[in-house]
Protein backbone atom coordinates (compact mmCIF):
# COMPACT_ATOMS: atom_id res chain seq x y z
CA UNK A 1 5.82 9.51 -32.66
CA UNK A 2 3.85 9.78 -35.96
CA UNK A 3 1.40 12.73 -36.61
CA UNK A 4 -1.65 12.58 -34.95
CA UNK A 5 -4.92 14.30 -35.21
CA UNK A 6 -4.67 16.17 -31.87
CA UNK A 7 -1.72 17.18 -29.57
CA UNK A 8 -3.98 16.94 -26.52
CA UNK A 9 -7.18 15.02 -25.71
CA UNK A 10 -8.32 16.40 -22.05
CA UNK A 11 -10.35 13.21 -21.03
CA UNK A 12 -12.86 14.15 -18.10
CA UNK A 13 -13.49 17.82 -19.31
CA UNK A 14 -16.82 17.86 -17.27
CA UNK A 15 -15.36 17.49 -13.79
CA UNK A 16 -14.77 20.33 -11.86
CA UNK A 17 -11.15 20.04 -12.20
CA UNK A 18 -11.69 18.87 -15.63
CA UNK A 19 -13.47 22.22 -16.62
CA UNK A 20 -10.87 24.40 -15.03
CA UNK A 21 -8.23 22.54 -17.02
CA UNK A 22 -10.20 23.10 -20.20
CA UNK A 23 -10.59 26.68 -19.24
CA UNK A 24 -6.78 27.05 -19.01
CA UNK A 25 -5.99 25.43 -22.01
CA UNK A 26 -8.14 27.66 -23.81
CA UNK A 27 -6.35 30.43 -22.56
CA UNK A 28 -2.87 29.04 -22.83
CA UNK A 29 -2.81 26.27 -25.33
CA UNK A 30 -1.95 28.75 -28.36
CA UNK A 31 -1.91 26.71 -31.57
CA UNK A 32 -2.12 23.58 -29.83
CA UNK A 33 -4.43 20.87 -31.40
CA UNK A 34 -7.06 20.00 -28.61
CA UNK A 35 -9.93 17.86 -28.20
CA UNK A 36 -12.43 17.16 -25.20
CA UNK A 37 -13.40 14.06 -24.34
CA UNK A 38 -16.03 12.39 -21.84
CA UNK A 39 -18.80 9.95 -21.23
CA UNK A 40 -21.53 11.92 -22.14
CA UNK A 41 -20.97 14.20 -25.61
CA UNK A 42 -23.91 16.64 -24.57
CA UNK A 43 -22.20 17.49 -21.17
CA UNK A 44 -18.76 17.74 -22.91
CA UNK A 45 -20.17 19.94 -25.64
CA UNK A 46 -21.68 22.31 -22.96
CA UNK A 47 -18.42 22.70 -21.44
CA UNK A 48 -16.72 23.47 -24.82
CA UNK A 49 -19.18 26.26 -25.80
CA UNK A 50 -18.69 27.90 -22.47
CA UNK A 51 -14.93 28.31 -23.37
CA UNK A 52 -15.15 31.21 -25.80
CA UNK A 53 -14.00 31.78 -29.19
CA UNK A 54 -10.51 29.78 -28.75
CA UNK A 55 -12.19 26.41 -27.90
CA UNK A 56 -15.16 26.54 -30.65
CA UNK A 57 -13.32 24.66 -33.04
CA UNK A 58 -12.24 21.84 -30.68
CA UNK A 59 -13.38 18.24 -31.37
CA UNK A 60 -15.49 16.08 -28.99
CA UNK A 61 -14.70 12.42 -28.03
CA UNK A 62 -16.88 9.97 -26.47
CA UNK A 63 -15.05 8.01 -24.24
CA UNK A 64 -16.12 5.86 -21.37
CA UNK A 65 -13.82 4.18 -18.76
CA UNK A 66 -16.10 1.33 -18.74
CA UNK A 67 -15.39 0.68 -22.65
CA UNK A 68 -11.65 -0.03 -23.30
CA UNK A 69 -12.17 -0.03 -26.96
CA UNK A 70 -13.30 3.53 -26.78
CA UNK A 71 -10.35 4.46 -24.83
CA UNK A 72 -7.93 3.02 -27.29
CA UNK A 73 -9.89 4.68 -30.07
CA UNK A 74 -9.41 7.93 -27.93
CA UNK A 75 -5.75 7.56 -27.42
CA UNK A 76 -4.86 6.60 -30.92
CA UNK A 77 -6.09 10.02 -32.10
CA UNK A 78 -3.71 12.12 -29.95
CA UNK A 79 -0.17 12.62 -28.87
CA UNK A 80 -1.11 13.08 -25.36
CA UNK A 81 -4.01 12.01 -23.06
CA UNK A 82 -4.72 14.37 -20.16
CA UNK A 83 -7.06 12.87 -17.89
CA UNK A 84 -8.88 13.84 -14.42
CA UNK A 85 -11.10 11.06 -14.12
CA UNK A 86 -10.65 9.38 -10.72
CA UNK A 87 -10.56 7.65 -8.56
CA UNK A 88 -7.67 6.48 -10.34
CA UNK A 89 -7.54 3.10 -8.49
CA UNK A 90 -10.99 2.66 -9.97
CA UNK A 91 -11.04 3.92 -13.44
CA UNK A 92 -7.07 4.62 -14.27
CA UNK A 93 -5.62 1.24 -15.48
CA UNK A 94 -7.76 0.87 -18.51
CA UNK A 95 -6.75 3.95 -19.74
CA UNK A 96 -2.89 3.68 -18.90
CA UNK A 97 -3.31 0.11 -21.00
CA UNK A 98 -5.13 1.98 -24.03
CA UNK A 99 -2.31 4.70 -24.06
CA UNK A 100 0.44 2.14 -24.04
CA UNK A 101 -1.42 0.01 -26.81
CA UNK A 102 -1.96 3.38 -28.75
CA UNK A 103 1.83 4.48 -28.24
CA UNK A 104 0.43 7.87 -26.65
CA UNK A 105 1.83 9.69 -23.74
CA UNK A 106 -0.31 10.35 -20.59
CA UNK A 107 -0.66 12.50 -17.61
CA UNK A 108 -2.90 12.56 -14.62
CA UNK A 109 -3.57 13.86 -11.27
CA UNK A 110 -3.50 10.92 -9.15
CA UNK A 111 -2.22 10.85 -5.48
CA UNK A 112 -3.13 7.24 -4.95
CA UNK A 113 0.04 5.26 -4.24
CA UNK A 114 -1.37 1.95 -4.81
CA UNK A 115 -2.57 2.91 -8.33
CA UNK A 116 0.60 4.23 -9.14
CA UNK A 117 2.33 0.89 -8.04
CA UNK A 118 0.14 -1.21 -9.85
CA UNK A 119 0.77 1.10 -13.08
CA UNK A 120 4.48 0.39 -12.65
CA UNK A 121 4.14 -3.23 -12.02
CA UNK A 122 1.84 -3.64 -15.06
CA UNK A 123 3.03 -0.98 -17.72
CA UNK A 124 6.42 0.41 -16.88
CA UNK A 125 8.27 -2.22 -19.07
CA UNK A 126 5.45 -1.86 -22.05
CA UNK A 127 5.56 1.68 -21.98
CA UNK A 128 9.35 2.08 -22.07
CA UNK A 129 9.42 -0.38 -24.90
CA UNK A 130 6.49 1.59 -26.54
CA UNK A 131 8.72 4.60 -26.45
CA UNK A 132 6.16 6.71 -24.38
CA UNK A 133 5.90 8.54 -21.05
CA UNK A 134 3.07 7.72 -18.53
CA UNK A 135 3.44 10.53 -16.08
CA UNK A 136 1.37 10.32 -12.73
CA UNK A 137 0.67 13.12 -10.17
CA UNK A 138 0.98 16.19 -12.10
CA UNK A 139 -1.08 18.63 -10.07
CA UNK A 140 -0.60 20.08 -6.77
CA UNK A 141 0.19 16.47 -5.90
CA UNK A 142 2.91 16.05 -6.74
CA UNK A 143 4.56 18.94 -8.98
CA UNK A 144 5.64 21.35 -6.48
CA UNK A 145 7.37 18.50 -4.27
CA UNK A 146 8.90 16.87 -7.23
CA UNK A 147 10.15 19.85 -9.17
CA UNK A 148 11.67 21.53 -6.32
CA UNK A 149 13.87 18.64 -5.33
CA UNK A 150 14.69 18.38 -9.04
CA UNK A 151 15.67 21.94 -9.13
CA UNK A 152 17.83 21.82 -6.16
CA UNK A 153 19.67 18.86 -7.52
CA UNK A 154 20.12 20.74 -10.85
CA UNK A 155 21.28 23.77 -9.07
CA UNK A 156 23.88 21.97 -6.79
CA UNK A 157 25.29 19.99 -10.05
CA UNK A 158 25.66 23.19 -11.83
CA UNK A 159 27.62 24.59 -9.11
CA UNK A 160 29.67 21.52 -8.38
CA UNK A 161 28.70 21.17 -4.92
CA UNK A 162 28.00 17.31 -4.68
CA UNK A 163 24.68 15.47 -4.12
CA UNK A 164 21.72 16.31 -1.78
CA UNK A 165 21.37 14.83 1.77
CA UNK A 166 18.86 15.99 4.14
CA UNK A 167 16.13 17.71 2.14
CA UNK A 168 12.84 18.97 3.76
CA UNK A 169 9.87 20.30 2.04
CA UNK A 170 7.75 22.87 3.98
CA UNK A 171 4.06 24.29 2.97
CA UNK A 172 4.60 27.76 4.37
CA UNK A 173 1.41 28.96 2.99
CA UNK A 174 -2.03 27.23 1.96
CA UNK A 175 -4.88 28.99 1.24
CA UNK A 176 -7.67 26.73 -0.15
CA UNK A 177 -9.58 23.47 0.45
CA UNK A 178 -8.96 19.78 -0.30
CA UNK A 179 -10.72 18.81 -3.64
CA UNK A 180 -13.45 16.07 -3.84
CA UNK A 181 -11.11 14.16 -6.23
CA UNK A 182 -7.98 14.62 -3.67
CA UNK A 183 -10.25 13.34 -0.63
CA UNK A 184 -11.78 10.61 -2.95
CA UNK A 185 -7.99 9.45 -3.86
CA UNK A 186 -6.85 9.56 -0.43
CA UNK A 187 -10.03 7.35 0.66
CA UNK A 188 -9.53 5.11 -2.45
CA UNK A 189 -5.98 4.42 -1.54
CA UNK A 190 -6.92 3.70 2.15
CA UNK A 191 -9.65 1.25 1.09
CA UNK A 192 -7.13 -0.50 -1.31
CA UNK A 193 -4.71 -0.69 1.71
CA UNK A 194 -7.38 -1.80 4.13
CA UNK A 195 -8.63 -4.42 1.92
CA UNK A 196 -5.14 -6.09 1.09
CA UNK A 197 -2.63 -6.37 4.09
CA UNK A 198 0.32 -7.05 1.41
CA UNK A 199 -0.72 -3.80 -0.24
CA UNK A 200 -0.67 -2.08 3.24
CA UNK A 201 2.74 -3.12 4.07
CA UNK A 202 3.94 -2.31 0.53
CA UNK A 203 2.83 1.47 0.99
CA UNK A 204 4.50 1.85 4.25
CA UNK A 205 7.66 1.36 2.52
CA UNK A 206 9.07 4.75 1.82
CA UNK A 207 10.63 3.20 -1.39
CA UNK A 208 7.50 1.53 -2.55
CA UNK A 209 7.53 3.40 -5.92
CA UNK A 210 11.46 2.93 -6.43
CA UNK A 211 12.48 1.75 -9.95
CA UNK A 212 14.74 -0.79 -8.10
CA UNK A 213 13.91 -1.41 -4.38
CA UNK A 214 16.87 -3.69 -3.53
CA UNK A 215 19.28 -1.01 -4.73
CA UNK A 216 17.84 1.77 -2.35
CA UNK A 217 20.11 2.83 0.35
CA UNK A 218 19.19 1.97 4.24
CA UNK A 219 18.81 5.36 5.77
CA UNK A 220 16.78 4.45 8.64
CA UNK A 221 13.29 5.45 9.47
CA UNK A 222 11.81 8.38 7.25
CA UNK A 223 8.59 9.53 8.89
CA UNK A 224 5.76 10.53 6.97
CA UNK A 225 4.38 12.75 9.98
CA UNK A 226 7.40 14.61 11.35
CA UNK A 227 6.81 17.04 14.18
CA UNK A 228 9.86 19.30 14.35
CA UNK A 229 11.20 22.66 15.24
CA UNK A 230 11.60 24.84 12.08
CA UNK A 231 15.43 25.31 13.05
CA UNK A 232 15.88 21.59 12.84
CA UNK A 233 15.31 21.90 9.08
CA UNK A 234 17.18 25.41 8.40
CA UNK A 235 18.38 28.29 10.35
CA UNK A 236 15.75 30.73 8.22
CA UNK A 237 12.93 28.81 9.90
CA UNK A 238 14.21 29.58 13.49
CA UNK A 239 11.44 30.28 15.98
CA UNK A 240 8.81 28.06 13.98
CA UNK A 241 7.13 24.57 14.37
CA UNK A 242 6.35 22.35 11.48
CA UNK A 243 3.96 19.29 11.69
CA UNK A 244 2.51 16.55 9.26
CA UNK A 245 1.38 17.43 5.79
CA UNK A 246 -1.57 15.55 4.57
CA UNK A 247 -0.24 14.45 1.28
CA UNK A 248 3.51 13.81 2.43
CA UNK A 249 3.15 10.04 2.05
CA UNK A 250 2.03 10.21 -1.48
CA UNK A 251 4.30 13.00 -2.60
CA UNK A 252 7.56 11.64 -0.91
CA UNK A 253 7.32 8.38 -2.69
CA UNK A 254 7.12 10.27 -6.20
CA UNK A 255 10.28 12.21 -5.06
CA UNK A 256 11.95 9.19 -4.18
CA UNK A 257 11.05 7.33 -7.58
CA UNK A 258 12.45 10.41 -9.10
CA UNK A 259 15.90 9.75 -7.56
CA UNK A 260 15.98 6.22 -8.55
CA UNK A 261 14.71 6.73 -12.13
CA UNK A 262 17.77 9.24 -12.34
CA UNK A 263 20.27 6.66 -11.23
CA UNK A 264 20.11 8.11 -7.75
CA UNK A 265 21.67 11.41 -9.02
CA UNK A 266 19.99 13.36 -6.12
CA UNK A 267 22.45 11.28 -3.90
CA UNK A 268 22.64 8.04 -2.09
CA UNK A 269 22.24 9.66 1.19
CA UNK A 270 19.17 11.79 -0.08
CA UNK A 271 16.75 11.73 2.76
CA UNK A 272 13.31 13.43 2.15
CA UNK A 273 10.55 14.74 4.37
CA UNK A 274 7.43 17.00 4.03
CA UNK A 275 5.74 19.13 6.75
CA UNK A 276 3.77 22.08 6.85
CA UNK A 277 4.40 25.33 8.86
CA UNK A 278 2.53 26.13 11.95
CA UNK A 279 3.87 29.44 12.61
CA UNK A 280 5.88 31.05 15.42
CA UNK A 281 3.25 31.88 18.12
CA UNK A 282 3.21 30.39 21.39
CA UNK A 283 0.55 27.90 20.27
CA UNK A 284 2.49 26.99 17.35
CA UNK A 285 4.05 23.80 19.04
CA UNK A 286 0.47 22.65 20.05
CA UNK A 287 -1.26 23.36 16.77
CA UNK A 288 1.62 21.28 15.17
CA UNK A 289 1.32 18.23 17.57
CA UNK A 290 -2.23 18.09 17.54
CA UNK A 291 -2.49 18.10 13.84
CA UNK A 292 0.38 15.69 13.32
CA UNK A 293 -1.22 13.22 15.87
CA UNK A 294 -4.55 13.54 14.23
CA UNK A 295 -3.13 12.73 10.50
CA UNK A 296 -1.31 10.19 11.98
CA UNK A 297 -3.98 8.57 13.55
CA UNK A 298 -6.52 8.88 10.73
CA UNK A 299 -4.02 7.48 8.24
CA UNK A 300 -3.14 4.42 10.60
CA UNK A 301 -6.95 3.79 11.06
CA UNK A 302 -7.96 4.30 7.49
CA UNK A 303 -5.21 1.91 6.07
CA UNK A 304 -6.77 -0.65 8.20
CA UNK A 305 -10.63 -0.24 8.59
CA UNK A 306 -11.57 2.19 5.48
CA UNK A 307 -12.97 -0.70 3.49
CA UNK A 308 -15.16 -1.63 6.45
CA UNK A 309 -16.83 1.72 6.85
CA UNK A 310 -20.30 2.02 5.03
CA UNK A 311 -19.80 3.81 1.80
CA UNK A 312 -22.84 6.23 2.13
CA UNK A 313 -20.97 7.70 5.30
CA UNK A 314 -18.12 8.72 3.19
CA UNK A 315 -20.55 9.94 0.36
CA UNK A 316 -22.21 12.16 2.88
CA UNK A 317 -18.99 13.78 4.08
CA UNK A 318 -16.96 14.16 0.83
CA UNK A 319 -17.72 17.08 -1.76
CA UNK A 320 -20.38 15.96 -4.52
CA UNK A 321 -18.76 14.93 -7.89
CA UNK A 322 -18.26 18.16 -9.95
CA UNK A 323 -18.75 20.69 -7.28
CA UNK A 324 -16.24 23.08 -5.82
CA UNK A 325 -15.57 26.41 -4.48
CA UNK A 326 -16.91 29.69 -5.99
CA UNK A 327 -15.01 31.73 -8.55
CA UNK A 328 -13.84 34.27 -6.07
CA UNK A 329 -12.81 31.69 -3.57
CA UNK A 330 -10.76 29.90 -6.33
CA UNK A 331 -9.03 33.05 -6.85
CA UNK A 332 -8.30 33.93 -3.49
CA UNK A 333 -6.67 30.70 -2.75
CA UNK A 334 -2.70 30.54 -2.95
CA UNK A 335 0.25 28.41 -1.73
CA UNK A 336 3.95 28.82 -1.16
CA UNK A 337 6.26 26.03 -0.59
CA UNK A 338 9.83 26.26 0.35
CA UNK A 339 12.37 23.26 0.13
CA UNK A 340 15.53 23.01 1.72
CA UNK A 341 18.62 20.98 1.28
CA UNK A 342 22.18 20.48 2.41
CA UNK A 343 24.61 18.87 -0.02
CA UNK A 344 27.62 16.55 0.67
CA UNK A 345 30.12 19.52 0.41
CA UNK A 346 27.85 21.48 3.11
CA UNK A 347 26.31 23.97 0.74
CA UNK A 348 22.71 24.94 1.51
CA UNK A 349 20.01 25.73 -1.14
CA UNK A 350 16.29 26.54 -1.05
CA UNK A 351 13.80 26.11 -3.65
CA UNK A 352 10.56 27.97 -3.69
CA UNK A 353 7.55 27.65 -5.66
CA UNK A 354 4.36 29.81 -5.12
CA UNK A 355 1.07 30.13 -6.99
CA UNK A 356 -2.06 32.26 -7.07
CA UNK A 357 -5.28 30.40 -6.85
CA UNK A 358 -6.67 27.62 -5.11
CA UNK A 359 -4.06 24.81 -5.00
CA UNK A 360 -6.51 21.76 -5.15
CA UNK A 361 -8.41 23.25 -8.06
CA UNK A 362 -7.27 26.38 -9.90
CA UNK A 363 -3.51 25.94 -9.19
CA UNK A 364 -3.77 22.45 -10.19
CA UNK A 365 -5.58 23.01 -13.37
CA UNK A 366 -2.66 25.24 -14.46
CA UNK A 367 0.07 22.77 -13.51
CA UNK A 368 -1.65 19.85 -15.38
CA UNK A 369 -2.58 21.98 -18.44
CA UNK A 370 1.10 23.04 -18.61
CA UNK A 371 2.35 19.25 -18.05
CA UNK A 372 -0.03 18.21 -21.16
CA UNK A 373 1.50 21.14 -23.12
CA UNK A 374 5.04 20.14 -22.13
CA UNK A 375 4.45 16.60 -23.30
CA UNK A 376 2.81 17.64 -26.53
CA UNK A 377 5.14 20.48 -27.37
CA UNK A 378 8.47 20.38 -25.86
CA UNK A 379 9.94 17.35 -27.25
CA UNK A 380 13.49 19.03 -27.05
CA UNK A 381 13.09 19.53 -23.44
CA UNK A 382 11.81 16.29 -22.59
CA UNK A 383 13.61 13.68 -20.77
CA UNK A 384 14.96 10.44 -22.76
CA UNK A 385 13.40 8.25 -20.16
CA UNK A 386 10.38 6.35 -21.11
CA UNK A 387 8.02 4.28 -19.08
CA UNK A 388 6.05 5.00 -16.02
CA UNK A 389 7.87 8.28 -14.93
CA UNK A 390 7.33 11.13 -12.61
CA UNK A 391 6.72 14.71 -13.31
CA UNK A 392 10.61 15.66 -13.03
CA UNK A 393 11.98 12.68 -14.77
CA UNK A 394 9.62 13.16 -17.66
CA UNK A 395 9.49 16.82 -18.09
CA UNK A 396 11.51 18.64 -15.21
CA UNK A 397 13.37 20.92 -17.52
CA UNK A 398 10.24 21.84 -19.50
CA UNK A 399 8.49 22.75 -16.62
CA UNK A 400 11.29 24.69 -15.09
CA UNK A 401 10.88 26.79 -18.05
CA UNK A 402 7.00 26.81 -18.55
CA UNK A 403 5.98 27.36 -15.19
CA UNK A 404 7.28 30.74 -14.65
CA UNK A 405 6.02 31.81 -17.97
CA UNK A 406 2.40 30.77 -16.74
CA UNK A 407 2.56 32.83 -13.53
CA UNK A 408 4.05 30.37 -11.13
CA UNK A 409 6.91 31.79 -8.75
CA UNK A 410 9.75 29.51 -8.96
CA UNK A 411 13.61 30.16 -7.53
CA UNK A 412 16.46 28.46 -6.51
CA UNK A 413 18.85 30.15 -4.16
CA UNK A 414 21.97 29.28 -2.21
CA UNK A 415 21.97 30.24 1.29
CA UNK A 416 25.35 29.93 2.41
């Protein structure tokens, strides 16, 4: 890529997560050339002025999702566009198109599977020919899921222990709330599904984001809402129960796309599921069963009827745009995720990723910021793949190096 004016443009800097990402880049960006962009120059300037001395020379760019020309102009000035402007089904595709036209790498926070499917259909081939990376889901959705699966594959390959088979991500700890952006993304995806039966059918397919659907193995049903004893996943979870995880459907399709983009290097019998721990108390099976049934029911109803519900109802229920927890609440948040696998030789491994900070806000800002920095600065560690990619297939090795240095706990261990 020819030298550009900026390494990174952060688009959507005035939103809550956008501001947190700007704050993180001001602390961790080092010598990276960074600019902030948004619809209101005055609001973007106010964000920049709040970031301290490191950001005072950052440029400000006026760009509006309703003006494709302004998006192309913005994209042409930078190596990477990092965007927090969602819901992406509503606002994302014009920016992806602008980045493809300008030959600029792209990273976002989307958890909207219909949007990613549309991005793949419209832009994967063009982005690959342009030699760029369009990388979706670079926050808590879906870096922990995607990167732990990638790390397990990488470790098993290095050990000569064959391919991955049953692989299960378990959310062992989650302290924080669902951001307004995450909830808006879930709602937007359900609205898209309820408005179009063909989309609804496609999204139910566990391989809907596959690079080659016809080449995927037939492994039977792969539930997005499993209810299981911990011992069914790994001996280390004996005595506990697990239930459905709210973002399992979205994350699991990202992970399966990674396997396909890597020519099924994880394995042709790679089965992946996500769940959240309900603990090991006497009430754990009840909690797991109730939460699983509730999430499965809401997902089924939402995918059919979300488009029929009054918009004002959701506006009252969802957090206001630009709002979020207090600084104290953000800092008290945390998560710990453990992903277990068994290989074709019988070797068992566990990958752990843990982070301090509200997962949906503070932790996500770190993950997105590091993704942008990896795309802009770590060319020697990035994948040779181009097109519409996943975090693991675009920058798995770079993130495995970057995230521990950014305060993210990450380890992969053999269990037998």
